[in-house]
Amino acid sequence: MVVAIDTNESTLNETSSLAGNDKDRLTTFVTDITNKLSVESLRDNILTQPGIVDGIINDAGIIQPFEKVYISVK
């Protein structure tokens, strides 16, 4: 089982459609990780799903172009 978690339901729906024939092995949850109660209930919600979680990938970043940062020290 793969569990996908995002704050955006439309991107979770897109992920589900990209899973194709394997989408029955994908479970999605809309969760705001800045909301403590939401995060605390997430574990229990995941554990109620059939199957075993095969792995965890924590990718909470946003891909964006890298920009050089110049720091001036006085």
Protein backbone atom coordinates (compact mmCIF):
# COMPACT_ATOMS: atom_id res chain seq x y z
CA MET A 1 0.00 0.00 0.00
CA VAL A 2 1.14 3.52 -0.78
CA VAL A 3 -0.27 6.39 1.24
CA ALA A 4 -0.17 9.84 -0.32
CA ILE A 5 -0.74 12.87 1.88
CA ASP A 6 -1.17 16.43 0.68
CA THR A 7 -2.93 19.65 1.61
CA ASN A 8 -4.40 19.82 -1.88
CA GLU A 9 -7.12 17.35 -2.86
CA SER A 10 -6.81 18.06 -6.58
CA THR A 11 -3.13 17.06 -6.61
CA LEU A 12 -4.00 13.88 -4.74
CA ASN A 13 -6.62 13.13 -7.39
CA GLU A 14 -3.98 13.70 -10.07
CA THR A 15 -1.59 11.34 -8.27
CA SER A 16 -4.33 8.73 -8.13
CA SER A 17 -5.00 9.01 -11.85
CA LEU A 18 -1.26 8.74 -12.59
CA ALA A 19 -1.14 5.48 -10.61
CA GLY A 20 -3.18 3.89 -13.39
CA ASN A 21 -3.90 0.20 -12.83
CA ASP A 22 -2.20 0.34 -9.43
CA LYS A 23 -4.46 3.01 -7.97
CA ASP A 24 -6.23 0.35 -5.90
CA ARG A 25 -2.97 0.13 -3.90
CA LEU A 26 -2.97 3.89 -3.27
CA THR A 27 -4.74 5.59 -0.40
CA THR A 28 -4.87 9.37 -0.21
CA PHE A 29 -5.45 11.75 2.68
CA VAL A 30 -5.89 15.51 2.65
CA THR A 31 -4.00 16.73 5.70
CA ASP A 32 -2.66 20.07 6.84
CA ILE A 33 0.61 19.30 8.61
CA THR A 34 0.46 22.65 10.38
CA ASN A 35 -2.68 21.45 12.20
CA LYS A 36 -1.65 19.27 15.15
CA LEU A 37 -5.04 17.54 15.50
CA SER A 38 -5.09 16.73 11.79
CA VAL A 39 -1.64 15.14 12.00
CA GLU A 40 -2.47 13.21 15.17
CA SER A 41 -5.59 11.70 13.59
CA LEU A 42 -3.72 10.87 10.38
CA ARG A 43 -1.88 7.92 11.94
CA ASP A 44 -5.09 6.32 13.11
CA ASN A 45 -6.74 6.93 9.75
CA ILE A 46 -3.85 5.25 7.94
CA LEU A 47 -3.87 2.26 10.27
CA THR A 48 -7.56 1.61 9.58
CA GLN A 49 -6.79 1.02 5.88
CA PRO A 50 -6.38 -2.54 4.63
CA GLY A 51 -2.85 -3.65 3.80
CA ILE A 52 0.62 -2.86 5.03
CA VAL A 53 2.45 0.40 4.45
CA ASP A 54 5.48 -0.57 2.36
CA GLY A 55 7.57 2.50 3.10
CA ILE A 56 7.61 6.15 4.05
CA ILE A 57 8.94 9.02 1.96
CA ASN A 58 8.76 12.43 3.59
CA ASP A 59 8.92 14.97 0.78
CA ALA A 60 7.50 18.18 2.10
CA GLY A 61 9.44 20.50 -0.18
CA ILE A 62 8.49 22.42 -3.27
CA ILE A 63 10.60 22.10 -6.38
CA GLN A 64 11.55 25.51 -7.68
CA PRO A 65 14.44 27.04 -9.60
CA PHE A 66 17.59 27.52 -7.60
CA GLU A 67 18.57 31.14 -7.17
CA LYS A 68 21.97 32.45 -6.10
CA VAL A 69 21.87 34.34 -2.83
CA TYR A 70 24.47 37.01 -2.17
CA ILE A 71 25.11 38.06 1.39
CA SER A 72 26.91 41.28 2.17
CA VAL A 73 28.70 41.27 5.50
CA LYS A 74 29.67 44.65 6.97
